Amino acid sequence: MKRARFCAGLLAALLGTRAAAGERPAAQVTDPRASGAARMPERDALLNIAEQALARGDTATAVTAFEQAASMLHAADTEMGVVRASMQGGDYRHALAFCAHTAGAHLDSAPAGALYAWLLRAGGQDAAARRVLETTLAYAPHDPVARATRRAFDGASLRPSGVLLELPHRMAPHALMQGGQAQPPPGASGVSGGVLIDGGRRALVPSAAIEGARRLWVRNGLGRTTEATRDVAPEHLQAQGLAVLQLSAPLAVGDATLAPRDPFAGSPGFAIGHEPAPDAAPAWPRLHQGFVGAVDGETGLRRLGIDVPVQATGGAVVFDAMGRIAGVSLPRTGGSTTMVPVSMFRELDRAPAAELHRTSAARMAIDEACECGLKVSLQVLVLA
């Protein structure tokens, strides 16, 4: 977190100095060949190969092609491709650090600054994201990508659309269907978040969100998507408003583990999840940080002192301070947010015991929590 704040502050200082001095675009200084980039067909071909590989989920091929293109020209478009490949590979921390470099080294590229701000915002670092974006706009006040990013920041939800989904700065993952499955048809929409459990074989989702759905899909923060069917849920989870889904193809959970016990009241925590959407377009989840509250009445639920969006329909993954899955949020009611604690659904997880417990007692950094959440935070899609 300190590293991200330092990078954001340094970028803001660099942008402000350049803007005040009226200097020429940084790409002209970084690599004088930048002005002739359009006349490099071999580089263009490599970038096309890389983007096509990303779109089909072949991250390794994409990275190789981007690196080959980078050896031909030090340019922002190539580096933003590397950033997005890191995100698709689940390496949020590398993506964030490299994007800080890209935005700082290529001050002529407002989209690079906007992408860095977007990644900071998605990772729960709202103040740093605002600083980076406002400084980028001060340097390029009419840039359409930076202006669209500000509108998204000021909106009710952080959903990319229009110019924000263009290359090379695309601010969302690609939809990567698993096991040769077909894409969700037109008319499918995002209704809530969910949490991946049981070694990636099942998911917990708010039951109200999927009521009456004819077909169901879940998608993680890397864009990997699979169809799902409703499974039998224990009665105590049904009573709390949770449903269990069986995935047609398992999704990797990465290093995520279940907490061995419910967190103490007042202990710090994170929540990462997806907001509802009118379509089935993929998006990165958004992280929030705060505290876990006390037991709520006689239900066994826990209050959340984490400022999840008002419009959220539940299903956010709640991590404890060590980054272990501690619960799943329920839809907000009466202005407050609650979660179902891990003790209520641990029995559903059939992973080997050695995988269920982190041995480290170190507190997880916010960027590491976001990286962990990309794999286990799910976007729930339905066709009504």
Protein backbone atom coordinates (compact mmCIF):
# COMPACT_ATOMS: atom_id res chain seq x y z
CA MET A 1 0.00 0.00 0.00
CA LYS A 2 2.87 2.36 0.84
CA ARG A 3 4.50 1.48 -2.49
CA ALA A 4 1.30 2.30 -4.39
CA ARG A 5 0.90 5.62 -2.56
CA PHE A 6 4.52 6.51 -3.31
CA CYS A 7 4.09 5.66 -7.00
CA ALA A 8 0.85 7.64 -7.19
CA GLY A 9 2.44 10.64 -5.48
CA LEU A 10 5.54 10.50 -7.66
CA LEU A 11 3.43 10.29 -10.81
CA ALA A 12 1.34 13.26 -9.71
CA ALA A 13 4.49 15.28 -9.05
CA LEU A 14 6.00 14.38 -12.42
CA LEU A 15 2.83 15.21 -14.32
CA GLY A 16 2.40 18.49 -12.50
CA THR A 17 5.99 19.57 -13.18
CA ARG A 18 5.76 18.74 -16.87
CA ALA A 19 2.42 20.48 -17.26
CA ALA A 20 3.70 23.63 -15.57
CA ALA A 21 6.86 23.68 -17.67
CA GLY A 22 5.01 23.06 -20.93
CA GLU A 23 7.49 20.39 -21.98
CA ARG A 24 7.05 18.16 -25.03
CA PRO A 25 5.46 14.69 -24.75
CA ALA A 26 7.59 12.26 -22.79
CA ALA A 27 7.53 9.59 -25.52
CA GLN A 28 9.65 11.90 -27.68
CA VAL A 29 12.25 11.86 -24.91
CA THR A 30 11.89 8.21 -23.89
CA ASP A 31 12.25 6.87 -27.43
CA PRO A 32 12.65 9.19 -30.44
CA ARG A 33 11.31 6.42 -32.70
CA ALA A 34 7.84 6.93 -31.20
CA SER A 35 6.90 9.45 -33.88
CA GLY A 36 7.42 6.74 -36.50
CA ALA A 37 5.59 3.97 -34.68
CA ALA A 38 2.85 3.86 -37.31
CA ARG A 39 5.50 2.88 -39.89
CA MET A 40 6.58 -0.29 -38.04
CA PRO A 41 4.51 -3.11 -39.58
CA GLU A 42 6.42 -5.86 -37.74
CA ARG A 43 5.65 -4.23 -34.41
CA ASP A 44 1.99 -3.81 -35.38
CA ALA A 45 1.80 -7.49 -36.29
CA LEU A 46 3.24 -8.47 -32.90
CA LEU A 47 0.72 -6.27 -31.10
CA ASN A 48 -2.11 -7.88 -33.06
CA ILE A 49 -0.82 -11.35 -32.16
CA ALA A 50 -0.63 -10.34 -28.50
CA GLU A 51 -4.14 -8.88 -28.40
CA GLN A 52 -5.64 -11.91 -30.15
CA ALA A 53 -3.88 -14.19 -27.66
CA LEU A 54 -5.24 -12.18 -24.73
CA ALA A 55 -8.76 -12.34 -26.14
CA ARG A 56 -8.65 -16.14 -26.27
CA GLY A 57 -6.97 -16.48 -22.85
CA ASP A 58 -3.45 -17.39 -24.00
CA THR A 59 -1.59 -15.11 -21.60
CA ALA A 60 1.87 -16.64 -22.16
CA THR A 61 1.75 -16.04 -25.93
CA ALA A 62 0.46 -12.52 -25.35
CA VAL A 63 3.30 -11.65 -22.96
CA THR A 64 5.93 -13.01 -25.37
CA ALA A 65 4.54 -10.98 -28.27
CA PHE A 66 4.24 -7.82 -26.17
CA GLU A 67 7.84 -8.21 -24.99
CA GLN A 68 9.06 -8.66 -28.56
CA ALA A 69 7.18 -5.52 -29.58
CA ALA A 70 8.66 -3.67 -26.60
CA SER A 71 12.17 -4.54 -27.77
CA MET A 72 11.41 -2.66 -30.98
CA LEU A 73 9.99 0.49 -29.36
CA HIS A 74 9.58 1.79 -25.83
CA ALA A 75 5.94 2.85 -26.12
CA ALA A 76 2.89 3.11 -23.88
CA ASP A 77 0.62 0.89 -25.97
CA THR A 78 2.96 -2.08 -25.58
CA GLU A 79 3.34 -1.55 -21.84
CA MET A 80 -0.41 -1.22 -21.29
CA GLY A 81 -0.71 -4.58 -23.03
CA VAL A 82 1.76 -6.08 -20.55
CA VAL A 83 -0.28 -4.57 -17.69
CA ARG A 84 -3.48 -6.15 -18.97
CA ALA A 85 -1.74 -9.49 -19.54
CA SER A 86 -0.60 -9.41 -15.91
CA MET A 87 -4.19 -8.77 -14.82
CA GLN A 88 -5.44 -11.65 -16.95
CA GLY A 89 -2.81 -13.87 -15.37
CA GLY A 90 -4.02 -12.86 -11.91
CA ASP A 91 -0.93 -10.81 -11.00
CA TYR A 92 -2.55 -7.58 -9.81
CA ARG A 93 0.51 -6.43 -7.89
CA HIS A 94 2.78 -6.65 -10.93
CA ALA A 95 0.13 -4.99 -13.09
CA LEU A 96 -0.21 -2.11 -10.64
CA ALA A 97 3.53 -1.54 -10.27
CA PHE A 98 4.21 -1.77 -14.00
CA CYS A 99 1.31 0.53 -14.81
CA ALA A 100 2.78 3.11 -12.41
CA HIS A 101 5.98 2.95 -14.47
CA THR A 102 4.05 3.18 -17.74
CA ALA A 103 2.05 6.20 -16.63
CA GLY A 104 5.16 7.95 -15.32
CA ALA A 105 7.44 7.14 -18.25
CA HIS A 106 4.90 8.02 -20.94
CA LEU A 107 3.39 11.29 -19.82
CA ASP A 108 2.06 11.93 -23.32
CA SER A 109 -0.29 8.95 -22.89
CA ALA A 110 -3.30 10.02 -20.83
CA PRO A 111 -4.85 6.54 -21.26
CA ALA A 112 -1.87 5.09 -19.35
CA GLY A 113 -2.56 7.45 -16.45
CA ALA A 114 -6.27 6.65 -16.62
CA LEU A 115 -5.59 2.89 -16.59
CA TYR A 116 -3.34 3.30 -13.55
CA ALA A 117 -6.06 5.28 -11.78
CA TRP A 118 -8.62 2.59 -12.65
CA LEU A 119 -6.46 -0.19 -11.22
CA LEU A 120 -5.92 1.79 -8.03
CA ARG A 121 -9.67 2.38 -7.69
CA ALA A 122 -10.51 -1.27 -8.32
CA GLY A 123 -7.96 -2.19 -5.66
CA GLY A 124 -9.58 -0.05 -2.97
CA GLN A 125 -7.12 2.86 -3.10
CA ASP A 126 -9.68 5.53 -3.94
CA ALA A 127 -7.76 8.62 -2.80
CA ALA A 128 -4.63 7.66 -4.74
CA ALA A 129 -6.76 6.89 -7.80
CA ARG A 130 -8.36 10.32 -7.67
CA ARG A 131 -4.99 12.05 -7.37
CA VAL A 132 -3.57 10.21 -10.36
CA LEU A 133 -6.65 10.86 -12.49
CA GLU A 134 -6.93 14.55 -11.64
CA THR A 135 -3.25 15.10 -12.38
CA THR A 136 -3.61 13.23 -15.67
CA LEU A 137 -6.55 15.48 -16.58
CA ALA A 138 -4.54 18.56 -15.66
CA TYR A 139 -1.95 17.47 -18.21
CA ALA A 140 -4.49 16.30 -20.84
CA PRO A 141 -7.84 17.98 -20.00
CA HIS A 142 -9.51 17.01 -23.29
CA ASP A 143 -8.39 13.41 -23.54
CA PRO A 144 -11.52 11.26 -24.09
CA VAL A 145 -10.23 8.27 -22.09
CA ALA A 146 -9.31 10.36 -19.05
CA ARG A 147 -12.62 12.22 -19.21
CA ALA A 148 -14.59 8.97 -19.51
CA THR A 149 -12.67 7.59 -16.54
CA ARG A 150 -13.68 10.60 -14.45
CA ARG A 151 -17.34 10.09 -15.42
CA ALA A 152 -17.08 6.45 -14.38
CA PHE A 153 -15.50 7.46 -11.06
CA ASP A 154 -18.32 9.92 -10.45
CA GLY A 155 -21.04 7.41 -11.35
CA ALA A 156 -23.01 5.06 -9.15
CA SER A 157 -20.89 2.03 -10.10
CA LEU A 158 -17.42 1.48 -11.52
CA ARG A 159 -18.41 -0.10 -14.85
CA PRO A 160 -16.34 0.49 -18.01
CA SER A 161 -18.12 1.27 -21.26
CA GLY A 162 -17.51 2.93 -24.60
CA VAL A 163 -14.00 4.26 -25.08
CA LEU A 164 -12.85 2.62 -21.83
CA LEU A 165 -13.16 -0.79 -23.50
CA GLU A 166 -10.99 0.12 -26.47
CA LEU A 167 -7.40 -1.05 -26.95
CA PRO A 168 -4.70 -0.74 -25.75
CA HIS A 169 -6.01 0.51 -22.39
CA ARG A 170 -9.06 -1.79 -22.07
CA MET A 171 -10.24 -1.49 -18.45
CA ALA A 172 -11.86 -4.91 -18.14
CA PRO A 173 -10.95 -8.57 -18.62
CA HIS A 174 -12.00 -10.60 -21.63
CA ALA A 175 -14.80 -13.15 -21.26
CA LEU A 176 -13.00 -16.50 -21.38
CA MET A 177 -15.39 -19.44 -21.61
CA GLN A 178 -14.13 -22.64 -19.99
CA GLY A 179 -14.26 -26.09 -21.55
CA GLY A 180 -15.40 -24.87 -24.96
CA GLN A 181 -18.70 -23.54 -23.60
CA ALA A 182 -20.66 -20.93 -25.56
CA GLN A 183 -20.85 -17.33 -24.43
CA PRO A 184 -23.95 -16.30 -22.45
CA PRO A 185 -26.63 -15.27 -24.97
CA PRO A 186 -27.99 -11.75 -25.43
CA GLY A 187 -30.35 -10.95 -22.60
CA ALA A 188 -28.10 -12.36 -19.88
CA SER A 189 -27.26 -9.90 -17.12
CA GLY A 190 -25.11 -9.59 -14.03
CA VAL A 191 -27.28 -9.86 -10.94
CA SER A 192 -24.89 -10.16 -7.99
CA GLY A 193 -21.54 -11.30 -6.73
CA GLY A 194 -20.59 -14.70 -5.40
CA VAL A 195 -17.73 -16.54 -3.72
CA LEU A 196 -15.86 -19.52 -5.15
CA ILE A 197 -15.58 -22.44 -2.70
CA ASP A 198 -14.89 -26.17 -2.58
CA GLY A 199 -11.66 -26.04 -4.57
CA GLY A 200 -13.34 -24.09 -7.37
CA ARG A 201 -16.14 -26.61 -7.89
CA ARG A 202 -19.00 -24.71 -6.25
CA ALA A 203 -20.10 -21.18 -5.45
CA LEU A 204 -22.15 -19.39 -2.80
CA VAL A 205 -24.49 -16.70 -4.14
CA PRO A 206 -27.46 -14.68 -2.82
CA SER A 207 -30.55 -16.79 -3.52
CA ALA A 208 -32.79 -13.79 -4.21
CA ALA A 209 -30.56 -12.74 -7.12
CA ILE A 210 -31.04 -16.01 -9.04
CA GLU A 211 -34.70 -16.63 -8.27
CA GLY A 212 -36.53 -17.64 -11.46
CA ALA A 213 -33.36 -17.83 -13.59
CA ARG A 214 -33.51 -20.26 -16.52
CA ARG A 215 -29.72 -20.43 -16.92
CA LEU A 216 -26.79 -19.42 -14.73
CA TRP A 217 -23.12 -18.59 -15.22
CA VAL A 218 -20.34 -17.43 -12.93
CA ARG A 219 -17.23 -15.47 -13.94
CA ASN A 220 -14.18 -14.67 -11.86
CA GLY A 221 -12.18 -11.44 -11.93
CA LEU A 222 -9.86 -12.85 -14.59
CA GLY A 223 -12.78 -13.22 -17.00
CA ARG A 224 -12.93 -17.02 -16.79
CA THR A 225 -16.56 -18.04 -17.15
CA THR A 226 -18.53 -21.25 -16.77
CA GLU A 227 -22.16 -22.27 -16.72
CA ALA A 228 -23.53 -23.39 -13.36
CA THR A 229 -26.57 -25.17 -11.98
CA ARG A 230 -28.31 -24.86 -8.65
CA ASP A 231 -27.15 -27.39 -6.05
CA VAL A 232 -28.73 -28.42 -2.76
CA ALA A 233 -27.94 -25.91 -0.01
CA PRO A 234 -28.04 -26.72 3.70
CA GLU A 235 -31.20 -25.47 5.39
CA HIS A 236 -29.34 -23.02 7.62
CA LEU A 237 -27.83 -21.32 4.54
CA GLN A 238 -31.18 -21.23 2.77
CA ALA A 239 -32.59 -19.50 5.84
CA GLN A 240 -29.88 -16.84 5.55
CA GLY A 241 -30.61 -16.22 1.87
CA LEU A 242 -27.72 -18.11 0.27
CA ALA A 243 -27.80 -20.63 -2.58
CA VAL A 244 -25.15 -23.13 -3.69
CA LEU A 245 -24.18 -23.48 -7.35
CA GLN A 246 -22.39 -26.40 -8.99
CA LEU A 247 -19.97 -25.24 -11.69
CA SER A 248 -19.89 -27.05 -15.04
CA ALA A 249 -16.13 -26.47 -15.19
CA PRO A 250 -14.05 -25.77 -12.08
CA LEU A 251 -12.25 -22.45 -11.68
CA ALA A 252 -8.85 -22.13 -10.01
CA VAL A 253 -8.96 -20.63 -6.50
CA GLY A 254 -5.27 -19.73 -6.37
CA ASP A 255 -3.93 -19.17 -2.87
CA ALA A 256 -7.33 -18.41 -1.33
CA THR A 257 -8.11 -20.37 1.84
CA LEU A 258 -10.94 -20.46 4.34
CA ALA A 259 -10.33 -18.78 7.69
CA PRO A 260 -10.04 -21.35 10.51
CA ARG A 261 -12.47 -19.32 12.64
CA ASP A 262 -14.79 -16.33 12.41
CA PRO A 263 -13.00 -12.98 12.76
CA PHE A 264 -13.19 -11.06 16.02
CA ALA A 265 -15.50 -8.05 16.19
CA GLY A 266 -13.58 -4.91 15.31
CA SER A 267 -10.85 -6.71 13.40
CA PRO A 268 -9.85 -5.27 10.01
CA GLY A 269 -11.02 -6.90 6.82
CA PHE A 270 -11.63 -6.52 3.10
CA ALA A 271 -14.64 -7.06 0.87
CA ILE A 272 -14.29 -7.57 -2.87
CA GLY A 273 -17.20 -8.10 -5.21
CA HIS A 274 -19.17 -7.27 -8.31
CA GLU A 275 -22.10 -4.92 -8.69
CA PRO A 276 -25.20 -5.70 -10.77
CA ALA A 277 -25.08 -4.88 -14.48
CA PRO A 278 -27.69 -4.73 -17.25
CA ASP A 279 -25.62 -7.01 -19.48
CA ALA A 280 -23.16 -9.87 -19.22
CA ALA A 281 -20.04 -7.83 -20.00
CA PRO A 282 -16.99 -8.81 -17.91
CA ALA A 283 -15.55 -6.42 -15.33
CA TRP A 284 -12.91 -6.43 -12.64
CA PRO A 285 -14.30 -6.64 -9.10
CA ARG A 286 -13.81 -3.77 -6.68
CA LEU A 287 -12.16 -3.98 -3.27
CA HIS A 288 -13.23 -2.12 -0.12
CA GLN A 289 -11.60 -2.15 3.30
CA GLY A 290 -12.93 -1.62 6.79
CA PHE A 291 -13.80 -3.70 9.84
CA VAL A 292 -15.82 -6.77 10.73
CA GLY A 293 -18.61 -6.02 13.19
CA ALA A 294 -20.27 -7.91 16.00
CA VAL A 295 -22.86 -10.68 15.78
CA ASP A 296 -26.17 -9.34 14.47
CA GLY A 297 -28.99 -10.48 16.79
CA GLU A 298 -29.79 -14.17 17.08
CA THR A 299 -29.22 -15.04 13.43
CA GLY A 300 -25.49 -15.62 13.76
CA LEU A 301 -24.82 -13.12 10.98
CA ARG A 302 -22.06 -10.53 11.37
CA ARG A 303 -22.34 -6.81 10.75
CA LEU A 304 -19.87 -5.31 8.29
CA GLY A 305 -18.11 -2.02 8.88
CA ILE A 306 -16.98 -2.06 5.26
CA ASP A 307 -18.44 0.53 2.93
CA VAL A 308 -19.70 -1.68 0.11
CA PRO A 309 -21.80 0.16 -2.50
CA VAL A 310 -25.43 0.86 -1.64
CA GLN A 311 -26.61 -0.76 -4.87
CA ALA A 312 -24.67 -3.96 -4.22
CA THR A 313 -26.88 -7.06 -4.20
CA GLY A 314 -24.61 -9.15 -2.01
CA GLY A 315 -22.19 -11.92 -2.72
CA ALA A 316 -18.99 -9.99 -1.99
CA VAL A 317 -16.13 -12.08 -0.62
CA VAL A 318 -15.06 -10.95 2.85
CA PHE A 319 -11.43 -11.55 3.81
CA ASP A 320 -10.02 -11.32 7.30
CA ALA A 321 -6.85 -9.32 8.02
CA MET A 322 -4.67 -12.25 6.92
CA GLY A 323 -6.46 -12.53 3.58
CA ARG A 324 -8.43 -15.69 4.34
CA ILE A 325 -12.06 -16.08 3.27
CA ALA A 326 -14.07 -15.10 6.35
CA GLY A 327 -17.56 -14.70 4.94
CA VAL A 328 -19.86 -13.62 2.14
CA SER A 329 -21.90 -10.42 2.20
CA LEU A 330 -25.69 -10.30 1.99
CA PRO A 331 -27.78 -7.59 0.29
CA ARG A 332 -27.99 -4.36 2.25
CA THR A 333 -31.12 -3.95 4.34
CA GLY A 334 -32.09 -0.98 6.44
CA GLY A 335 -28.87 0.86 5.59
CA SER A 336 -26.59 -1.83 7.02
CA THR A 337 -24.59 -4.68 5.51
CA THR A 338 -24.21 -8.11 7.04
CA MET A 339 -22.26 -11.21 6.14
CA VAL A 340 -22.65 -14.94 6.57
CA PRO A 341 -19.51 -15.98 8.49
CA VAL A 342 -17.25 -18.78 7.35
CA SER A 343 -18.34 -21.03 10.22
CA MET A 344 -21.72 -21.41 8.50
CA PHE A 345 -20.37 -22.76 5.21
CA ARG A 346 -17.01 -24.37 5.99
CA GLU A 347 -18.67 -27.80 5.81
CA LEU A 348 -19.26 -27.27 2.08
CA ASP A 349 -15.56 -27.11 1.32
CA ARG A 350 -14.07 -30.50 0.52
CA ALA A 351 -10.52 -29.25 -0.08
CA PRO A 352 -7.81 -31.11 1.85
CA ALA A 353 -7.31 -29.78 5.35
CA ALA A 354 -3.80 -28.61 4.52
CA GLU A 355 -5.28 -26.19 1.98
CA LEU A 356 -7.76 -24.64 4.38
CA HIS A 357 -5.44 -22.87 6.79
CA ARG A 358 -2.84 -20.21 6.26
CA THR A 359 0.03 -20.68 8.67
CA SER A 360 1.24 -17.10 8.39
CA ALA A 361 -0.17 -14.61 10.88
CA ALA A 362 1.07 -11.63 8.84
CA ARG A 363 -1.53 -9.09 7.86
CA MET A 364 -2.22 -9.08 4.13
CA ALA A 365 -1.48 -5.89 2.17
CA ILE A 366 -4.36 -4.32 0.27
CA ASP A 367 -2.86 -5.04 -3.15
CA GLU A 368 -2.32 -8.69 -2.21
CA ALA A 369 -5.95 -8.92 -1.03
CA CYS A 370 -7.11 -7.60 -4.41
CA GLU A 371 -4.93 -10.13 -6.21
CA CYS A 372 -6.33 -12.96 -4.12
CA GLY A 373 -9.88 -11.73 -4.68
CA LEU A 374 -9.63 -11.75 -8.46
CA LYS A 375 -9.84 -15.55 -8.45
CA VAL A 376 -12.54 -16.17 -5.83
CA SER A 377 -14.82 -13.17 -6.32
CA LEU A 378 -17.50 -14.11 -8.84
CA GLN A 379 -19.82 -12.21 -11.12
CA VAL A 380 -23.15 -14.06 -11.23
CA LEU A 381 -24.93 -13.97 -14.61
CA VAL A 382 -28.47 -15.09 -15.31
CA LEU A 383 -30.82 -15.52 -18.23
CA ALA A 384 -34.30 -14.95 -16.88
